[in-house]
Amino acid sequence: MDAEPKIPMKSPCKVGLIEDKRYAWCKCGRSSRQPWCDRSHAGSGLGPMVFRARRTADTKLCGCKKTKHPPYCDGSHRDILNSSG
């Protein structure tokens, strides 16, 4: 069981959300459909985060899986970019 997510991208994913629609954000980083879950998490110990959009809008979802406010980007990818030299 791998409880640490993979880092699939070092930038946020800009997506259009529809108010009240349910979404499954990938928490494990293994999905080939980032930022959405494709069920690649099997055995990782990290299932998707299911959420409902609060409003219809374009927004940025976390692509690095390090955000402190999942599923939304909080800029944590900048730390990864700065530390990767």
Protein backbone atom coordinates (compact mmCIF):
# COMPACT_ATOMS: atom_id res chain seq x y z
CA MET A 1 0.00 0.00 0.00
CA ASP A 2 1.46 3.34 -1.13
CA ALA A 3 -0.09 6.18 0.93
CA GLU A 4 2.08 8.89 -0.68
CA PRO A 5 0.59 10.30 -3.91
CA LYS A 6 2.55 10.43 -7.16
CA ILE A 7 3.17 13.90 -8.63
CA PRO A 8 1.60 13.70 -12.11
CA MET A 9 2.03 17.39 -12.97
CA LYS A 10 3.86 20.40 -11.60
CA SER A 11 1.08 22.83 -12.41
CA PRO A 12 -2.65 23.18 -11.70
CA CYS A 13 -5.38 21.87 -14.00
CA LYS A 14 -7.79 24.52 -15.25
CA VAL A 15 -11.26 22.98 -15.46
CA GLY A 16 -14.82 24.13 -15.91
CA LEU A 17 -17.07 22.96 -13.08
CA ILE A 18 -20.87 22.90 -13.12
CA GLU A 19 -22.78 23.87 -9.98
CA ASP A 20 -24.04 20.87 -7.96
CA LYS A 21 -22.39 18.33 -10.27
CA ARG A 22 -20.36 15.61 -8.52
CA TYR A 23 -16.71 15.11 -9.47
CA ALA A 24 -14.06 12.57 -8.45
CA TRP A 25 -10.65 14.26 -8.11
CA CYS A 26 -7.66 11.92 -8.28
CA LYS A 27 -5.78 11.89 -4.95
CA CYS A 28 -3.22 9.19 -5.80
CA GLY A 29 -1.68 10.85 -8.87
CA ARG A 30 -1.86 7.66 -10.95
CA SER A 31 -4.82 8.57 -13.17
CA SER A 32 -4.19 9.06 -16.89
CA ARG A 33 -7.18 11.46 -16.91
CA GLN A 34 -5.77 14.12 -14.54
CA PRO A 35 -7.19 15.72 -12.51
CA TRP A 36 -10.02 13.16 -12.59
CA CYS A 37 -10.01 9.67 -11.14
CA ASP A 38 -9.83 6.77 -13.61
CA ARG A 39 -9.69 4.11 -10.86
CA SER A 40 -5.92 3.65 -11.17
CA HIS A 41 -5.70 4.03 -7.38
CA ALA A 42 -6.31 0.32 -6.74
CA GLY A 43 -3.85 -0.79 -4.07
CA SER A 44 -2.52 2.71 -3.39
CA GLY A 45 -4.59 3.37 -0.28
CA LEU A 46 -5.67 6.69 -1.80
CA GLY A 47 -9.14 6.69 -3.31
CA PRO A 48 -10.61 9.71 -5.09
CA MET A 49 -11.99 12.80 -3.39
CA VAL A 50 -15.62 13.10 -4.42
CA PHE A 51 -16.98 16.65 -4.25
CA ARG A 52 -19.81 18.81 -5.55
CA ALA A 53 -19.06 22.07 -7.31
CA ARG A 54 -20.36 25.03 -5.32
CA ARG A 55 -20.92 27.09 -8.45
CA THR A 56 -20.47 26.97 -12.21
CA ALA A 57 -17.05 28.43 -12.95
CA ASP A 58 -13.59 27.82 -14.35
CA THR A 59 -11.22 26.96 -11.54
CA LYS A 60 -7.81 25.43 -10.93
CA LEU A 61 -7.58 21.99 -9.37
CA CYS A 62 -4.37 20.69 -7.86
CA GLY A 63 -2.20 18.70 -10.26
CA CYS A 64 0.73 18.02 -7.90
CA LYS A 65 -1.41 16.45 -5.14
CA LYS A 66 0.33 18.52 -2.44
CA THR A 67 -2.40 21.14 -1.87
CA LYS A 68 -3.57 21.82 1.65
CA HIS A 69 -7.06 22.61 0.28
CA PRO A 70 -7.99 19.64 -1.91
CA PRO A 71 -9.08 19.48 -4.61
CA TYR A 72 -8.25 23.13 -5.27
CA CYS A 73 -4.79 24.44 -6.15
CA ASP A 74 -3.17 26.45 -3.36
CA GLY A 75 0.16 27.09 -5.12
CA SER A 76 1.97 24.13 -3.54
CA HIS A 77 3.34 23.19 -6.97
CA ARG A 78 5.65 26.23 -6.73
CA ASP A 79 7.51 24.51 -3.88
CA ILE A 80 8.04 21.46 -6.09
CA LEU A 81 9.27 23.61 -8.99
CA ASN A 82 11.64 25.54 -6.70
CA SER A 83 13.07 22.38 -5.11
CA SER A 84 13.62 20.48 -8.36
CA GLY A 85 16.43 22.79 -9.37
